[in-house]
Amino acid sequence: MERREILVDPERMEWEKIALPGIQIKYLYKDEQTGASIALCRFEKGTGIPESHLHASNQFMYVLKGRFSYPGIEVKEGMLYINPKDNVHGPSVALEDSLVLEIYDGPHYYPEKKPY
């Protein structure tokens, strides 16, 4: 198996819009075989994921800037939110403009349950 180092410069990448308004993403890494990914996510204040949902892998979100909330949880700058595979969570909302590093160790969603 070939191993190689990868260097990514997010400053040279464009923000991508997703189906939900006010949220943009930069994929820093994607493994097409496993579905694992690392991305920067930018949330405008008041935006978020409007419904409860679950993921097909473990989700890790490190807040670089801002803060957002899930029911009963407020995640602030410098905090790490870990959501285990198949745990129903949400909805979420950005309490201020936020920048998050989001990591999945496998696919985001099950093919039959992809909400967006």
PDB file of N, CA and C in Angstrom:
ATOM      1  N   MET A   1       0.842  -1.172   0.000  1.00  0.00           N
ATOM      2  CA  MET A   1       0.000   0.000   0.000  1.00  0.00           C
ATOM      3  C   MET A   1       0.894   1.246   0.000  1.00  0.00           C
ATOM      4  N   GLU A   2       0.617   2.156  -0.878  1.00  0.00           N
ATOM      5  CA  GLU A   2       1.383   3.387  -0.968  1.00  0.00           C
ATOM      6  C   GLU A   2       0.929   4.363   0.111  1.00  0.00           C
ATOM      7  N   ARG A   3       1.876   4.965   0.775  1.00  0.00           N
ATOM      8  CA  ARG A   3       1.585   5.995   1.781  1.00  0.00           C
ATOM      9  C   ARG A   3       2.189   7.292   1.293  1.00  0.00           C
ATOM     10  N   ARG A   4       1.464   8.366   1.518  1.00  0.00           N
ATOM     11  CA  ARG A   4       2.003   9.662   1.144  1.00  0.00           C
ATOM     12  C   ARG A   4       1.424  10.729   2.052  1.00  0.00           C
ATOM     13  N   GLU A   5       2.192  11.756   2.224  1.00  0.00           N
ATOM     14  CA  GLU A   5       1.735  12.880   3.020  1.00  0.00           C
ATOM     15  C   GLU A   5       0.840  13.766   2.168  1.00  0.00           C
ATOM     16  N   ILE A   6      -0.076  14.459   2.819  1.00  0.00           N
ATOM     17  CA  ILE A   6      -0.992  15.372   2.135  1.00  0.00           C
ATOM     18  C   ILE A   6      -0.920  16.711   2.839  1.00  0.00           C
ATOM     19  N   LEU A   7      -0.787  17.765   2.083  1.00  0.00           N
ATOM     20  CA  LEU A   7      -0.784  19.109   2.632  1.00  0.00           C
ATOM     21  C   LEU A   7      -1.965  19.860   2.018  1.00  0.00           C
ATOM     22  N   VAL A   8      -2.799  20.448   2.864  1.00  0.00           N
ATOM     23  CA  VAL A   8      -3.997  21.147   2.414  1.00  0.00           C
ATOM     24  C   VAL A   8      -3.923  22.592   2.894  1.00  0.00           C
ATOM     25  N   ASP A   9      -4.170  23.524   2.005  1.00  0.00           N
ATOM     26  CA  ASP A   9      -4.214  24.945   2.355  1.00  0.00           C
ATOM     27  C   ASP A   9      -5.645  25.444   2.184  1.00  0.00           C
ATOM     28  N   PRO A  10      -6.425  25.527   3.276  1.00  0.00           N
ATOM     29  CA  PRO A  10      -7.827  25.953   3.159  1.00  0.00           C
ATOM     30  C   PRO A  10      -7.991  27.346   2.563  1.00  0.00           C
ATOM     31  N   GLU A  11      -6.976  28.192   2.705  1.00  0.00           N
ATOM     32  CA  GLU A  11      -7.063  29.550   2.150  1.00  0.00           C
ATOM     33  C   GLU A  11      -7.165  29.543   0.622  1.00  0.00           C
ATOM     34  N   ARG A  12      -6.727  28.474  -0.001  1.00  0.00           N
ATOM     35  CA  ARG A  12      -6.761  28.379  -1.461  1.00  0.00           C
ATOM     36  C   ARG A  12      -8.026  27.679  -1.958  1.00  0.00           C
ATOM     37  N   MET A  13      -8.905  27.331  -1.057  1.00  0.00           N
ATOM     38  CA  MET A  13     -10.133  26.617  -1.407  1.00  0.00           C
ATOM     39  C   MET A  13     -11.331  27.560  -1.309  1.00  0.00           C
ATOM     40  N   GLU A  14     -12.325  27.300  -2.130  1.00  0.00           N
ATOM     41  CA  GLU A  14     -13.567  28.070  -2.097  1.00  0.00           C
ATOM     42  C   GLU A  14     -14.553  27.421  -1.127  1.00  0.00           C
ATOM     43  N   TRP A  15     -15.372  28.251  -0.492  1.00  0.00           N
ATOM     44  CA  TRP A  15     -16.457  27.735   0.333  1.00  0.00           C
ATOM     45  C   TRP A  15     -17.540  27.183  -0.576  1.00  0.00           C
ATOM     46  N   GLU A  16     -18.087  26.015  -0.232  1.00  0.00           N
ATOM     47  CA  GLU A  16     -19.194  25.407  -0.972  1.00  0.00           C
ATOM     48  C   GLU A  16     -20.477  25.626  -0.186  1.00  0.00           C
ATOM     49  N   LYS A  17     -21.539  25.976  -0.888  1.00  0.00           N
ATOM     50  CA  LYS A  17     -22.848  26.067  -0.246  1.00  0.00           C
ATOM     51  C   LYS A  17     -23.439  24.672  -0.186  1.00  0.00           C
ATOM     52  N   ILE A  18     -24.201  24.415   0.876  1.00  0.00           N
ATOM     53  CA  ILE A  18     -24.936  23.149   0.966  1.00  0.00           C
ATOM     54  C   ILE A  18     -26.421  23.455   0.834  1.00  0.00           C
ATOM     55  N   ALA A  19     -27.250  22.427   0.921  1.00  0.00           N
ATOM     56  CA  ALA A  19     -28.695  22.596   0.715  1.00  0.00           C
ATOM     57  C   ALA A  19     -29.342  23.496   1.762  1.00  0.00           C
ATOM     58  N   LEU A  20     -28.730  23.614   2.928  1.00  0.00           N
ATOM     59  CA  LEU A  20     -29.296  24.452   3.987  1.00  0.00           C
ATOM     60  C   LEU A  20     -28.723  25.863   3.895  1.00  0.00           C
ATOM     61  N   PRO A  21     -29.572  26.882   3.910  1.00  0.00           N
ATOM     62  CA  PRO A  21     -29.075  28.262   3.805  1.00  0.00           C
ATOM     63  C   PRO A  21     -28.238  28.669   5.014  1.00  0.00           C
ATOM     64  N   GLY A  22     -27.230  29.519   4.755  1.00  0.00           N
ATOM     65  CA  GLY A  22     -26.418  30.061   5.833  1.00  0.00           C
ATOM     66  C   GLY A  22     -25.298  29.160   6.304  1.00  0.00           C
ATOM     67  N   ILE A  23     -25.113  28.014   5.644  1.00  0.00           N
ATOM     68  CA  ILE A  23     -24.056  27.075   6.017  1.00  0.00           C
ATOM     69  C   ILE A  23     -23.180  26.828   4.795  1.00  0.00           C
ATOM     70  N   GLN A  24     -21.869  26.927   4.999  1.00  0.00           N
ATOM     71  CA  GLN A  24     -20.915  26.656   3.926  1.00  0.00           C
ATOM     72  C   GLN A  24     -19.854  25.698   4.440  1.00  0.00           C
ATOM     73  N   ILE A  25     -19.202  25.006   3.502  1.00  0.00           N
ATOM     74  CA  ILE A  25     -18.256  23.958   3.886  1.00  0.00           C
ATOM     75  C   ILE A  25     -17.040  23.970   2.966  1.00  0.00           C
ATOM     76  N   LYS A  26     -15.897  23.593   3.532  1.00  0.00           N
ATOM     77  CA  LYS A  26     -14.673  23.327   2.777  1.00  0.00           C
ATOM     78  C   LYS A  26     -14.210  21.936   3.183  1.00  0.00           C
ATOM     79  N   TYR A  27     -14.239  20.991   2.263  1.00  0.00           N
ATOM     80  CA  TYR A  27     -13.745  19.651   2.567  1.00  0.00           C
ATOM     81  C   TYR A  27     -12.232  19.656   2.474  1.00  0.00           C
ATOM     82  N   LEU A  28     -11.577  19.434   3.595  1.00  0.00           N
ATOM     83  CA  LEU A  28     -10.126  19.387   3.642  1.00  0.00           C
ATOM     84  C   LEU A  28      -9.606  18.006   3.276  1.00  0.00           C
ATOM     85  N   TYR A  29     -10.460  16.993   3.499  1.00  0.00           N
ATOM     86  CA  TYR A  29     -10.083  15.609   3.219  1.00  0.00           C
ATOM     87  C   TYR A  29     -11.348  14.785   3.055  1.00  0.00           C
ATOM     88  N   LYS A  30     -11.332  13.890   2.071  1.00  0.00           N
ATOM     89  CA  LYS A  30     -12.407  12.918   1.890  1.00  0.00           C
ATOM     90  C   LYS A  30     -11.794  11.589   1.478  1.00  0.00           C
ATOM     91  N   ASP A  31     -12.229  10.525   2.120  1.00  0.00           N
ATOM     92  CA  ASP A  31     -11.828   9.181   1.724  1.00  0.00           C
ATOM     93  C   ASP A  31     -13.038   8.547   1.046  1.00  0.00           C
ATOM     94  N   GLU A  32     -12.979   8.430  -0.256  1.00  0.00           N
ATOM     95  CA  GLU A  32     -14.128   7.921  -1.023  1.00  0.00           C
ATOM     96  C   GLU A  32     -14.449   6.467  -0.670  1.00  0.00           C
ATOM     97  N   GLN A  33     -13.458   5.698  -0.234  1.00  0.00           N
ATOM     98  CA  GLN A  33     -13.699   4.293   0.106  1.00  0.00           C
ATOM     99  C   GLN A  33     -14.434   4.128   1.427  1.00  0.00           C
ATOM    100  N   THR A  34     -14.046   4.907   2.439  1.00  0.00           N
ATOM    101  CA  THR A  34     -14.638   4.732   3.770  1.00  0.00           C
ATOM    102  C   THR A  34     -15.725   5.759   4.090  1.00  0.00           C
ATOM    103  N   GLY A  35     -15.727   6.881   3.370  1.00  0.00           N
ATOM    104  CA  GLY A  35     -16.665   7.961   3.669  1.00  0.00           C
ATOM    105  C   GLY A  35     -16.160   8.919   4.731  1.00  0.00           C
ATOM    106  N   ALA A  36     -14.987   8.649   5.308  1.00  0.00           N
ATOM    107  CA  ALA A  36     -14.417   9.534   6.328  1.00  0.00           C
ATOM    108  C   ALA A  36     -14.104  10.896   5.711  1.00  0.00           C
ATOM    109  N   SER A  37     -14.208  11.944   6.530  1.00  0.00           N
ATOM    110  CA  SER A  37     -13.932  13.284   6.004  1.00  0.00           C
ATOM    111  C   SER A  37     -13.517  14.233   7.123  1.00  0.00           C
ATOM    112  N   ILE A  38     -12.859  15.299   6.700  1.00  0.00           N
ATOM    113  CA  ILE A  38     -12.509  16.414   7.575  1.00  0.00           C
ATOM    114  C   ILE A  38     -12.913  17.671   6.825  1.00  0.00           C
ATOM    115  N   ALA A  39     -13.646  18.565   7.494  1.00  0.00           N
ATOM    116  CA  ALA A  39     -14.133  19.767   6.817  1.00  0.00           C
ATOM    117  C   ALA A  39     -14.184  20.950   7.768  1.00  0.00           C
ATOM    118  N   LEU A  40     -14.064  22.122   7.192  1.00  0.00           N
ATOM    119  CA  LEU A  40     -14.370  23.358   7.895  1.00  0.00           C
ATOM    120  C   LEU A  40     -15.806  23.707   7.560  1.00  0.00           C
ATOM    121  N   CYS A  41     -16.594  24.032   8.565  1.00  0.00           N
ATOM    122  CA  CYS A  41     -17.992  24.405   8.362  1.00  0.00           C
ATOM    123  C   CYS A  41     -18.209  25.798   8.931  1.00  0.00           C
ATOM    124  N   ARG A  42     -18.830  26.632   8.132  1.00  0.00           N
ATOM    125  CA  ARG A  42     -19.110  28.012   8.546  1.00  0.00           C
ATOM    126  C   ARG A  42     -20.625  28.166   8.666  1.00  0.00           C
ATOM    127  N   PHE A  43     -21.067  28.604   9.843  1.00  0.00           N
ATOM    128  CA  PHE A  43     -22.488  28.790  10.136  1.00  0.00           C
ATOM    129  C   PHE A  43     -22.756  30.267  10.394  1.00  0.00           C
ATOM    130  N   GLU A  44     -23.718  30.832   9.689  1.00  0.00           N
ATOM    131  CA  GLU A  44     -24.158  32.181  10.022  1.00  0.00           C
ATOM    132  C   GLU A  44     -25.045  32.105  11.261  1.00  0.00           C
ATOM    133  N   LYS A  45     -25.001  33.162  12.086  1.00  0.00           N
ATOM    134  CA  LYS A  45     -25.835  33.214  13.285  1.00  0.00           C
ATOM    135  C   LYS A  45     -27.287  32.905  12.921  1.00  0.00           C
ATOM    136  N   GLY A  46     -27.899  32.024  13.705  1.00  0.00           N
ATOM    137  CA  GLY A  46     -29.297  31.666  13.508  1.00  0.00           C
ATOM    138  C   GLY A  46     -29.530  30.497  12.572  1.00  0.00           C
ATOM    139  N   THR A  47     -28.477  30.023  11.903  1.00  0.00           N
ATOM    140  CA  THR A  47     -28.642  28.872  11.017  1.00  0.00           C
ATOM    141  C   THR A  47     -28.248  27.605  11.753  1.00  0.00           C
ATOM    142  N   GLY A  48     -28.556  26.460  11.172  1.00  0.00           N
ATOM    143  CA  GLY A  48     -28.195  25.191  11.776  1.00  0.00           C
ATOM    144  C   GLY A  48     -28.894  24.051  11.085  1.00  0.00           C
ATOM    145  N   ILE A  49     -28.921  22.937  11.751  1.00  0.00           N
ATOM    146  CA  ILE A  49     -29.585  21.746  11.230  1.00  0.00           C
ATOM    147  C   ILE A  49     -30.967  21.707  11.893  1.00  0.00           C
ATOM    148  N   PRO A  50     -32.038  21.850  11.088  1.00  0.00           N
ATOM    149  CA  PRO A  50     -33.367  22.080  11.670  1.00  0.00           C
ATOM    150  C   PRO A  50     -34.080  20.860  12.248  1.00  0.00           C
ATOM    151  N   GLU A  51     -33.534  19.657  12.041  1.00  0.00           N
ATOM    152  CA  GLU A  51     -34.237  18.455  12.484  1.00  0.00           C
ATOM    153  C   GLU A  51     -33.318  17.543  13.276  1.00  0.00           C
ATOM    154  N   SER A  52     -33.918  16.707  14.108  1.00  0.00           N
ATOM    155  CA  SER A  52     -33.157  15.641  14.754  1.00  0.00           C
ATOM    156  C   SER A  52     -32.722  14.659  13.681  1.00  0.00           C
ATOM    157  N   HIS A  53     -31.535  14.093  13.851  1.00  0.00           N
ATOM    158  CA  HIS A  53     -31.012  13.151  12.862  1.00  0.00           C
ATOM    159  C   HIS A  53     -29.909  12.313  13.508  1.00  0.00           C
ATOM    160  N   LEU A  54     -29.401  11.342  12.770  1.00  0.00           N
ATOM    161  CA  LEU A  54     -28.297  10.520  13.250  1.00  0.00           C
ATOM    162  C   LEU A  54     -27.282  10.353  12.129  1.00  0.00           C
ATOM    163  N   HIS A  55     -26.087   9.882  12.503  1.00  0.00           N
ATOM    164  CA  HIS A  55     -25.020   9.682  11.528  1.00  0.00           C
ATOM    165  C   HIS A  55     -24.593   8.221  11.493  1.00  0.00           C
ATOM    166  N   ALA A  56     -24.069   7.820  10.345  1.00  0.00           N
ATOM    167  CA  ALA A  56     -23.628   6.447  10.136  1.00  0.00           C
ATOM    168  C   ALA A  56     -22.203   6.215  10.637  1.00  0.00           C
ATOM    169  N   SER A  57     -21.615   7.217  11.273  1.00  0.00           N
ATOM    170  CA  SER A  57     -20.273   7.097  11.848  1.00  0.00           C
ATOM    171  C   SER A  57     -20.150   8.080  13.006  1.00  0.00           C
ATOM    172  N   ASN A  58     -19.022   8.048  13.676  1.00  0.00           N
ATOM    173  CA  ASN A  58     -18.778   8.986  14.767  1.00  0.00           C
ATOM    174  C   ASN A  58     -18.501  10.377  14.202  1.00  0.00           C
ATOM    175  N   GLN A  59     -19.036  11.386  14.866  1.00  0.00           N
ATOM    176  CA  GLN A  59     -18.892  12.784  14.447  1.00  0.00           C
ATOM    177  C   GLN A  59     -18.141  13.538  15.543  1.00  0.00           C
ATOM    178  N   PHE A  60     -17.158  14.333  15.112  1.00  0.00           N
ATOM    179  CA  PHE A  60     -16.362  15.150  16.027  1.00  0.00           C
ATOM    180  C   PHE A  60     -16.416  16.587  15.519  1.00  0.00           C
ATOM    181  N   MET A  61     -16.784  17.527  16.371  1.00  0.00           N
ATOM    182  CA  MET A  61     -16.864  18.936  15.984  1.00  0.00           C
ATOM    183  C   MET A  61     -16.078  19.780  16.976  1.00  0.00           C
ATOM    184  N   TYR A  62     -15.028  20.424  16.485  1.00  0.00           N
ATOM    185  CA  TYR A  62     -14.218  21.315  17.311  1.00  0.00           C
ATOM    186  C   TYR A  62     -14.537  22.745  16.907  1.00  0.00           C
ATOM    187  N   VAL A  63     -14.991  23.542  17.853  1.00  0.00           N
ATOM    188  CA  VAL A  63     -15.404  24.917  17.559  1.00  0.00           C
ATOM    189  C   VAL A  63     -14.179  25.826  17.563  1.00  0.00           C
ATOM    190  N   LEU A  64     -13.847  26.347  16.393  1.00  0.00           N
ATOM    191  CA  LEU A  64     -12.717  27.258  16.229  1.00  0.00           C
ATOM    192  C   LEU A  64     -13.108  28.686  16.577  1.00  0.00           C
ATOM    193  N   LYS A  65     -14.365  29.018  16.275  1.00  0.00           N
ATOM    194  CA  LYS A  65     -14.866  30.371  16.527  1.00  0.00           C
ATOM    195  C   LYS A  65     -16.376  30.295  16.719  1.00  0.00           C
ATOM    196  N   GLY A  66     -16.899  31.092  17.649  1.00  0.00           N
ATOM    197  CA  GLY A  66     -18.344  31.180  17.838  1.00  0.00           C
ATOM    198  C   GLY A  66     -18.875  30.176  18.841  1.00  0.00           C
ATOM    199  N   ARG A  67     -20.181  29.915  18.721  1.00  0.00           N
ATOM    200  CA  ARG A  67     -20.841  28.939  19.593  1.00  0.00           C
ATOM    201  C   ARG A  67     -22.163  28.524  18.962  1.00  0.00           C
ATOM    202  N   PHE A  68     -22.572  27.315  19.273  1.00  0.00           N
ATOM    203  CA  PHE A  68     -23.850  26.807  18.778  1.00  0.00           C
ATOM    204  C   PHE A  68     -24.455  25.896  19.826  1.00  0.00           C
ATOM    205  N   SER A  69     -25.702  25.528  19.613  1.00  0.00           N
ATOM    206  CA  SER A  69     -26.366  24.707  20.621  1.00  0.00           C
ATOM    207  C   SER A  69     -27.142  23.561  19.997  1.00  0.00           C
ATOM    208  N   TYR A  70     -27.222  22.504  20.786  1.00  0.00           N
ATOM    209  CA  TYR A  70     -28.129  21.373  20.588  1.00  0.00           C
ATOM    210  C   TYR A  70     -29.046  21.407  21.798  1.00  0.00           C
ATOM    211  N   PRO A  71     -30.183  20.740  21.767  1.00  0.00           N
ATOM    212  CA  PRO A  71     -31.037  20.741  22.956  1.00  0.00           C
ATOM    213  C   PRO A  71     -30.261  20.321  24.213  1.00  0.00           C
ATOM    214  N   GLY A  72     -30.186  21.227  25.181  1.00  0.00           N
ATOM    215  CA  GLY A  72     -29.520  20.952  26.444  1.00  0.00           C
ATOM    216  C   GLY A  72     -28.006  21.084  26.426  1.00  0.00           C
ATOM    217  N   ILE A  73     -27.415  21.446  25.273  1.00  0.00           N
ATOM    218  CA  ILE A  73     -25.955  21.543  25.164  1.00  0.00           C
ATOM    219  C   ILE A  73     -25.587  22.840  24.454  1.00  0.00           C
ATOM    220  N   GLU A  74     -24.640  23.585  25.023  1.00  0.00           N
ATOM    221  CA  GLU A  74     -24.076  24.737  24.324  1.00  0.00           C
ATOM    222  C   GLU A  74     -22.599  24.454  24.098  1.00  0.00           C
ATOM    223  N   VAL A  75     -22.180  24.522  22.845  1.00  0.00           N
ATOM    224  CA  VAL A  75     -20.797  24.239  22.471  1.00  0.00           C
ATOM    225  C   VAL A  75     -20.133  25.563  22.125  1.00  0.00           C
ATOM    226  N   LYS A  76     -19.062  25.890  22.865  1.00  0.00           N
ATOM    227  CA  LYS A  76     -18.405  27.188  22.727  1.00  0.00           C
ATOM    228  C   LYS A  76     -17.031  27.039  22.085  1.00  0.00           C
ATOM    229  N   GLU A  77     -16.489  28.179  21.678  1.00  0.00           N
ATOM    230  CA  GLU A  77     -15.154  28.223  21.098  1.00  0.00           C
ATOM    231  C   GLU A  77     -14.168  27.464  21.983  1.00  0.00           C
ATOM    232  N   GLY A  78     -13.374  26.596  21.350  1.00  0.00           N
ATOM    233  CA  GLY A  78     -12.384  25.807  22.074  1.00  0.00           C
ATOM    234  C   GLY A  78     -12.908  24.493  22.617  1.00  0.00           C
ATOM    235  N   MET A  79     -14.204  24.214  22.427  1.00  0.00           N
ATOM    236  CA  MET A  79     -14.792  22.966  22.928  1.00  0.00           C
ATOM    237  C   MET A  79     -14.903  21.937  21.808  1.00  0.00           C
ATOM    238  N   LEU A  80     -14.828  20.661  22.200  1.00  0.00           N
ATOM    239  CA  LEU A  80     -14.989  19.539  21.282  1.00  0.00           C
ATOM    240  C   LEU A  80     -16.306  18.837  21.583  1.00  0.00           C
ATOM    241  N   TYR A  81     -17.128  18.678  20.562  1.00  0.00           N
ATOM    242  CA  TYR A  81     -18.401  17.960  20.672  1.00  0.00           C
ATOM    243  C   TYR A  81     -18.215  16.618  19.980  1.00  0.00           C
ATOM    244  N   ILE A  82     -18.495  15.531  20.688  1.00  0.00           N
ATOM    245  CA  ILE A  82     -18.374  14.191  20.124  1.00  0.00           C
ATOM    246  C   ILE A  82     -19.755  13.560  20.130  1.00  0.00           C
ATOM    247  N   ASN A  83     -20.181  13.139  18.955  1.00  0.00           N
ATOM    248  CA  ASN A  83     -21.489  12.513  18.798  1.00  0.00           C
ATOM    249  C   ASN A  83     -21.278  11.098  18.253  1.00  0.00           C
ATOM    250  N   PRO A  84     -21.582  10.073  19.050  1.00  0.00           N
ATOM    251  CA  PRO A  84     -21.335   8.707  18.599  1.00  0.00           C
ATOM    252  C   PRO A  84     -22.277   8.254  17.484  1.00  0.00           C
ATOM    253  N   LYS A  85     -21.787   7.329  16.708  1.00  0.00           N
ATOM    254  CA  LYS A  85     -22.556   6.719  15.622  1.00  0.00           C
ATOM    255  C   LYS A  85     -23.942   6.300  16.129  1.00  0.00           C
ATOM    256  N   ASP A  86     -24.959   6.599  15.318  1.00  0.00           N
ATOM    257  CA  ASP A  86     -26.361   6.216  15.548  1.00  0.00           C
ATOM    258  C   ASP A  86     -27.039   6.947  16.700  1.00  0.00           C
ATOM    259  N   ASN A  87     -26.387   7.941  17.295  1.00  0.00           N
ATOM    260  CA  ASN A  87     -27.016   8.729  18.346  1.00  0.00           C
ATOM    261  C   ASN A  87     -27.880   9.827  17.714  1.00  0.00           C
ATOM    262  N   VAL A  88     -29.155   9.826  18.016  1.00  0.00           N
ATOM    263  CA  VAL A  88     -30.043  10.868  17.495  1.00  0.00           C
ATOM    264  C   VAL A  88     -29.752  12.165  18.245  1.00  0.00           C
ATOM    265  N   HIS A  89     -29.515  13.235  17.485  1.00  0.00           N
ATOM    266  CA  HIS A  89     -29.207  14.537  18.085  1.00  0.00           C
ATOM    267  C   HIS A  89     -29.813  15.635  17.214  1.00  0.00           C
ATOM    268  N   GLY A  90     -29.817  16.845  17.756  1.00  0.00           N
ATOM    269  CA  GLY A  90     -30.374  17.974  17.015  1.00  0.00           C
ATOM    270  C   GLY A  90     -31.794  18.247  17.461  1.00  0.00           C
ATOM    271  N   PRO A  91     -32.356  19.290  16.933  1.00  0.00           N
ATOM    272  CA  PRO A  91     -31.773  20.215  15.967  1.00  0.00           C
ATOM    273  C   PRO A  91     -30.662  21.064  16.595  1.00  0.00           C
ATOM    274  N   SER A  92     -29.911  21.775  15.730  1.00  0.00           N
ATOM    275  CA  SER A  92     -28.856  22.656  16.223  1.00  0.00           C
ATOM    276  C   SER A  92     -29.036  24.046  15.638  1.00  0.00           C
ATOM    277  N   VAL A  93     -28.461  25.034  16.326  1.00  0.00           N
ATOM    278  CA  VAL A  93     -28.526  26.414  15.841  1.00  0.00           C
ATOM    279  C   VAL A  93     -27.245  27.140  16.247  1.00  0.00           C
ATOM    280  N   ALA A  94     -26.709  27.938  15.316  1.00  0.00           N
ATOM    281  CA  ALA A  94     -25.548  28.774  15.626  1.00  0.00           C
ATOM    282  C   ALA A  94     -26.023  29.984  16.420  1.00  0.00           C
ATOM    283  N   LEU A  95     -25.483  30.163  17.613  1.00  0.00           N
ATOM    284  CA  LEU A  95     -25.869  31.282  18.470  1.00  0.00           C
ATOM    285  C   LEU A  95     -25.140  32.564  18.069  1.00  0.00           C
ATOM    286  N   GLU A  96     -24.090  32.411  17.285  1.00  0.00           N
ATOM    287  CA  GLU A  96     -23.369  33.531  16.672  1.00  0.00           C
ATOM    288  C   GLU A  96     -22.652  32.968  15.446  1.00  0.00           C
ATOM    289  N   ASP A  97     -22.111  33.821  14.600  1.00  0.00           N
ATOM    290  CA  ASP A  97     -21.342  33.324  13.467  1.00  0.00           C
ATOM    291  C   ASP A  97     -20.288  32.367  14.000  1.00  0.00           C
ATOM    292  N   SER A  98     -20.193  31.179  13.382  1.00  0.00           N
ATOM    293  CA  SER A  98     -19.332  30.134  13.933  1.00  0.00           C
ATOM    294  C   SER A  98     -18.517  29.449  12.844  1.00  0.00           C
ATOM    295  N   LEU A  99     -17.345  28.973  13.245  1.00  0.00           N
ATOM    296  CA  LEU A  99     -16.471  28.192  12.381  1.00  0.00           C
ATOM    297  C   LEU A  99     -16.113  26.920  13.131  1.00  0.00           C
ATOM    298  N   VAL A 100     -16.365  25.783  12.497  1.00  0.00           N
ATOM    299  CA  VAL A 100     -16.217  24.490  13.155  1.00  0.00           C
ATOM    300  C   VAL A 100     -15.372  23.563  12.286  1.00  0.00           C
ATOM    301  N   LEU A 101     -14.470  22.829  12.908  1.00  0.00           N
ATOM    302  CA  LEU A 101     -13.760  21.742  12.243  1.00  0.00           C
ATOM    303  C   LEU A 101     -14.559  20.476  12.526  1.00  0.00           C
ATOM    304  N   GLU A 102     -15.047  19.841  11.472  1.00  0.00           N
ATOM    305  CA  GLU A 102     -15.918  18.672  11.630  1.00  0.00           C
ATOM    306  C   GLU A 102     -15.241  17.451  11.013  1.00  0.00           C
ATOM    307  N   ILE A 103     -15.193  16.365  11.779  1.00  0.00           N
ATOM    308  CA  ILE A 103     -14.541  15.131  11.349  1.00  0.00           C
ATOM    309  C   ILE A 103     -15.531  13.981  11.493  1.00  0.00           C
ATOM    310  N   TYR A 104     -15.589  13.147  10.460  1.00  0.00           N
ATOM    311  CA  TYR A 104     -16.354  11.896  10.503  1.00  0.00           C
ATOM    312  C   TYR A 104     -15.373  10.758  10.245  1.00  0.00           C
ATOM    313  N   ASP A 105     -15.475   9.667  11.006  1.00  0.00           N
ATOM    314  CA  ASP A 105     -14.581   8.534  10.793  1.00  0.00           C
ATOM    315  C   ASP A 105     -15.173   7.500   9.832  1.00  0.00           C
ATOM    316  N   GLY A 106     -16.229   7.877   9.158  1.00  0.00           N
ATOM    317  CA  GLY A 106     -16.886   7.034   8.164  1.00  0.00           C
ATOM    318  C   GLY A 106     -17.913   7.885   7.443  1.00  0.00           C
ATOM    319  N   PRO A 107     -18.891   7.258   6.793  1.00  0.00           N
ATOM    320  CA  PRO A 107     -19.891   8.041   6.056  1.00  0.00           C
ATOM    321  C   PRO A 107     -20.751   8.901   6.978  1.00  0.00           C
ATOM    322  N   HIS A 108     -21.184  10.041   6.472  1.00  0.00           N
ATOM    323  CA  HIS A 108     -22.019  10.945   7.272  1.00  0.00           C
ATOM    324  C   HIS A 108     -23.380  10.313   7.555  1.00  0.00           C
ATOM    325  N   TYR A 109     -24.008   9.791   6.527  1.00  0.00           N
ATOM    326  CA  TYR A 109     -25.378   9.282   6.653  1.00  0.00           C
ATOM    327  C   TYR A 109     -25.503   7.908   6.023  1.00  0.00           C
ATOM    328  N   TYR A 110     -26.508   7.180   6.455  1.00  0.00           N
ATOM    329  CA  TYR A 110     -26.900   5.959   5.765  1.00  0.00           C
ATOM    330  C   TYR A 110     -27.568   6.380   4.469  1.00  0.00           C
ATOM    331  N   PRO A 111     -27.322   5.684   3.366  1.00  0.00           N
ATOM    332  CA  PRO A 111     -27.888   6.112   2.070  1.00  0.00           C
ATOM    333  C   PRO A 111     -29.402   6.331   2.098  1.00  0.00           C
ATOM    334  N   GLU A 112     -30.119   5.507   2.813  1.00  0.00           N
ATOM    335  CA  GLU A 112     -31.581   5.626   2.846  1.00  0.00           C
ATOM    336  C   GLU A 112     -32.078   6.689   3.815  1.00  0.00           C
ATOM    337  N   LYS A 113     -31.192   7.287   4.619  1.00  0.00           N
ATOM    338  CA  LYS A 113     -31.613   8.264   5.627  1.00  0.00           C
ATOM    339  C   LYS A 113     -30.970   9.634   5.460  1.00  0.00           C
ATOM    340  N   LYS A 114     -30.379   9.906   4.303  1.00  0.00           N
ATOM    341  CA  LYS A 114     -29.697  11.182   4.129  1.00  0.00           C
ATOM    342  C   LYS A 114     -30.715  12.324   4.158  1.00  0.00           C
ATOM    343  N   PRO A 115     -30.615  13.224   5.171  1.00  0.00           N
ATOM    344  CA  PRO A 115     -31.628  14.262   5.314  1.00  0.00           C
ATOM    345  C   PRO A 115     -31.431  15.471   4.390  1.00  0.00           C
ATOM    346  N   TYR A 116     -30.190  15.709   3.903  1.00  0.00           N
ATOM    347  CA  TYR A 116     -29.944  16.916   3.100  1.00  0.00           C
ATOM    348  C   TYR A 116     -29.096  16.592   1.905  1.00  0.00           C
TER     349      TYR A 116
END
